[in-house]
Amino acid sequence: MFVCKFFPMLLNFKYENFGLSRKEKEQKYKKKTSALEKDLRRKEKALAETAALLVLKKKVQEIWGELEDE
């Protein structure tokens, strides 16, 4: 069985970029990059908030001990 060395590239070929100029491709990738960076910043903030809450919870447990739920 003969397998072309370019076959994996053919599988990854995307028609969404086909026919776009270089400038259009750059604009598209910049837009996608900025959206990904924005999402990353949002997730980093959420992670920092969760870490801060966990630290506060541990400090409360050290001061008052384990609180019982009623």
N, C-alpha and C. Protein backbone atom coordinates (compact mmCIF):
# COMPACT_ATOMS: atom_id res chain seq x y z
N MET A 1 0.85 -1.18 0.00
CA MET A 1 0.00 0.00 0.00
C MET A 1 0.88 1.24 0.00
N PHE A 2 0.64 2.12 -0.93
CA PHE A 2 1.41 3.34 -1.06
C PHE A 2 0.72 4.48 -0.31
N VAL A 3 1.49 5.17 0.54
CA VAL A 3 0.95 6.31 1.28
C VAL A 3 1.79 7.53 0.93
N CYS A 4 1.14 8.54 0.46
CA CYS A 4 1.83 9.77 0.09
C CYS A 4 2.29 10.50 1.36
N LYS A 5 3.50 11.07 1.30
CA LYS A 5 4.00 11.78 2.48
C LYS A 5 3.23 13.07 2.76
N PHE A 6 2.46 13.54 1.80
CA PHE A 6 1.67 14.75 1.98
C PHE A 6 0.25 14.45 2.47
N PHE A 7 -0.09 13.19 2.61
CA PHE A 7 -1.44 12.81 3.00
C PHE A 7 -1.88 13.44 4.33
N PRO A 8 -1.02 13.43 5.37
CA PRO A 8 -1.45 14.08 6.64
C PRO A 8 -1.77 15.56 6.46
N MET A 9 -1.03 16.24 5.60
CA MET A 9 -1.32 17.66 5.36
C MET A 9 -2.66 17.82 4.66
N LEU A 10 -3.00 16.89 3.80
CA LEU A 10 -4.28 16.96 3.12
C LEU A 10 -5.44 16.78 4.09
N LEU A 11 -5.23 15.95 5.11
CA LEU A 11 -6.28 15.75 6.11
C LEU A 11 -6.51 17.00 6.94
N ASN A 12 -5.44 17.78 7.16
CA ASN A 12 -5.54 18.99 7.97
C ASN A 12 -5.89 20.23 7.16
N PHE A 13 -6.09 20.09 5.88
CA PHE A 13 -6.39 21.21 5.02
C PHE A 13 -7.75 21.81 5.40
N LYS A 14 -7.79 23.12 5.53
CA LYS A 14 -9.04 23.78 5.91
C LYS A 14 -9.46 24.72 4.79
N TYR A 15 -10.69 24.62 4.40
CA TYR A 15 -11.21 25.45 3.33
C TYR A 15 -11.49 26.87 3.78
N GLU A 16 -11.55 27.11 5.10
CA GLU A 16 -11.90 28.44 5.58
C GLU A 16 -10.85 29.48 5.21
N ASN A 17 -9.60 29.07 5.02
CA ASN A 17 -8.54 30.01 4.67
C ASN A 17 -8.26 30.02 3.17
N PHE A 18 -8.93 29.19 2.43
CA PHE A 18 -8.68 29.06 1.01
C PHE A 18 -9.17 30.32 0.29
N GLY A 19 -8.31 30.91 -0.50
CA GLY A 19 -8.69 32.08 -1.28
C GLY A 19 -8.55 33.40 -0.56
N LEU A 20 -8.11 33.39 0.69
CA LEU A 20 -7.92 34.63 1.43
C LEU A 20 -6.54 35.21 1.11
N SER A 21 -6.46 36.52 1.07
CA SER A 21 -5.17 37.15 0.86
C SER A 21 -4.36 37.06 2.15
N ARG A 22 -3.09 37.38 2.03
CA ARG A 22 -2.21 37.31 3.19
C ARG A 22 -2.68 38.27 4.28
N LYS A 23 -3.09 39.46 3.87
CA LYS A 23 -3.56 40.46 4.83
C LYS A 23 -4.82 39.98 5.54
N GLU A 24 -5.73 39.37 4.80
CA GLU A 24 -6.96 38.85 5.40
C GLU A 24 -6.67 37.73 6.38
N LYS A 25 -5.72 36.86 6.02
CA LYS A 25 -5.34 35.78 6.93
C LYS A 25 -4.73 36.32 8.20
N GLU A 26 -3.85 37.34 8.06
CA GLU A 26 -3.24 37.95 9.24
C GLU A 26 -4.29 38.58 10.14
N GLN A 27 -5.26 39.28 9.55
CA GLN A 27 -6.33 39.90 10.33
C GLN A 27 -7.15 38.84 11.06
N LYS A 28 -7.42 37.75 10.36
CA LYS A 28 -8.21 36.67 10.95
C LYS A 28 -7.47 36.05 12.14
N TYR A 29 -6.16 35.80 11.96
CA TYR A 29 -5.39 35.20 13.04
C TYR A 29 -5.20 36.16 14.20
N LYS A 30 -5.05 37.47 13.91
CA LYS A 30 -4.94 38.46 15.00
C LYS A 30 -6.23 38.51 15.81
N LYS A 31 -7.36 38.47 15.11
CA LYS A 31 -8.66 38.49 15.79
C LYS A 31 -8.82 37.24 16.66
N LYS A 32 -8.45 36.09 16.11
CA LYS A 32 -8.56 34.85 16.87
C LYS A 32 -7.61 34.86 18.07
N THR A 33 -6.39 35.37 17.85
CA THR A 33 -5.41 35.44 18.93
C THR A 33 -5.89 36.36 20.05
N SER A 34 -6.45 37.51 19.69
CA SER A 34 -6.92 38.44 20.72
C SER A 34 -8.10 37.84 21.48
N ALA A 35 -8.96 37.10 20.79
CA ALA A 35 -10.08 36.45 21.48
C ALA A 35 -9.57 35.38 22.45
N LEU A 36 -8.57 34.62 22.03
CA LEU A 36 -8.00 33.59 22.91
C LEU A 36 -7.29 34.22 24.10
N GLU A 37 -6.60 35.34 23.88
CA GLU A 37 -5.93 36.03 24.99
C GLU A 37 -6.95 36.59 25.97
N LYS A 38 -8.04 37.12 25.47
CA LYS A 38 -9.10 37.64 26.34
C LYS A 38 -9.69 36.52 27.19
N ASP A 39 -9.94 35.38 26.57
CA ASP A 39 -10.47 34.23 27.30
C ASP A 39 -9.47 33.74 28.35
N LEU A 40 -8.19 33.75 28.00
CA LEU A 40 -7.16 33.33 28.94
C LEU A 40 -7.11 34.26 30.14
N ARG A 41 -7.19 35.57 29.91
CA ARG A 41 -7.19 36.54 31.03
C ARG A 41 -8.38 36.31 31.95
N ARG A 42 -9.54 36.04 31.35
CA ARG A 42 -10.75 35.78 32.15
C ARG A 42 -10.57 34.55 33.02
N LYS A 43 -10.00 33.50 32.44
CA LYS A 43 -9.79 32.26 33.19
C LYS A 43 -8.72 32.42 34.27
N GLU A 44 -7.68 33.21 33.98
CA GLU A 44 -6.66 33.47 34.99
C GLU A 44 -7.24 34.23 36.18
N LYS A 45 -8.11 35.19 35.92
CA LYS A 45 -8.76 35.94 37.00
C LYS A 45 -9.63 35.02 37.84
N ALA A 46 -10.37 34.13 37.18
CA ALA A 46 -11.23 33.19 37.91
C ALA A 46 -10.39 32.25 38.76
N LEU A 47 -9.27 31.81 38.24
CA LEU A 47 -8.38 30.92 38.99
C LEU A 47 -7.78 31.64 40.20
N ALA A 48 -7.37 32.89 40.01
CA ALA A 48 -6.82 33.67 41.12
C ALA A 48 -7.87 33.89 42.20
N GLU A 49 -9.10 34.16 41.81
CA GLU A 49 -10.18 34.35 42.78
C GLU A 49 -10.43 33.06 43.56
N THR A 50 -10.45 31.93 42.87
CA THR A 50 -10.67 30.64 43.53
C THR A 50 -9.54 30.33 44.50
N ALA A 51 -8.31 30.62 44.10
CA ALA A 51 -7.17 30.39 44.99
C ALA A 51 -7.26 31.27 46.23
N ALA A 52 -7.66 32.53 46.05
CA ALA A 52 -7.80 33.44 47.20
C ALA A 52 -8.88 32.95 48.15
N LEU A 53 -10.01 32.49 47.61
CA LEU A 53 -11.08 31.97 48.46
C LEU A 53 -10.64 30.73 49.23
N LEU A 54 -9.86 29.89 48.58
CA LEU A 54 -9.35 28.68 49.25
C LEU A 54 -8.42 29.05 50.40
N VAL A 55 -7.55 30.03 50.17
CA VAL A 55 -6.65 30.48 51.24
C VAL A 55 -7.44 31.05 52.40
N LEU A 56 -8.45 31.87 52.11
CA LEU A 56 -9.28 32.44 53.17
C LEU A 56 -10.03 31.35 53.94
N LYS A 57 -10.52 30.36 53.24
CA LYS A 57 -11.23 29.26 53.89
C LYS A 57 -10.31 28.52 54.86
N LYS A 58 -9.08 28.28 54.43
CA LYS A 58 -8.12 27.59 55.30
C LYS A 58 -7.78 28.43 56.53
N LYS A 59 -7.66 29.76 56.35
CA LYS A 59 -7.36 30.63 57.49
C LYS A 59 -8.52 30.65 58.48
N VAL A 60 -9.75 30.67 57.97
CA VAL A 60 -10.93 30.63 58.85
C VAL A 60 -10.95 29.33 59.63
N GLN A 61 -10.63 28.21 58.98
CA GLN A 61 -10.61 26.92 59.67
C GLN A 61 -9.53 26.88 60.73
N GLU A 62 -8.38 27.53 60.48
CA GLU A 62 -7.32 27.56 61.47
C GLU A 62 -7.74 28.39 62.69
N ILE A 63 -8.46 29.48 62.47
CA ILE A 63 -8.86 30.36 63.56
C ILE A 63 -10.00 29.76 64.37
N TRP A 64 -11.09 29.37 63.72
CA TRP A 64 -12.28 28.91 64.41
C TRP A 64 -12.48 27.40 64.40
N GLY A 65 -11.63 26.69 63.74
CA GLY A 65 -11.79 25.24 63.66
C GLY A 65 -12.82 24.89 62.59
N GLU A 66 -13.14 23.62 62.49
CA GLU A 66 -14.08 23.13 61.49
C GLU A 66 -15.50 23.56 61.89
N LEU A 67 -16.18 24.25 60.98
CA LEU A 67 -17.55 24.68 61.26
C LEU A 67 -18.52 23.59 60.88
N GLU A 68 -19.53 23.38 61.73
CA GLU A 68 -20.51 22.35 61.45
C GLU A 68 -21.68 22.93 60.68
N ASP A 69 -22.15 22.22 59.68
CA ASP A 69 -23.32 22.65 58.92
C ASP A 69 -24.57 22.24 59.66
N GLU A 70 -25.55 23.12 59.73
CA GLU A 70 -26.79 22.80 60.42
C GLU A 70 -27.85 22.37 59.47
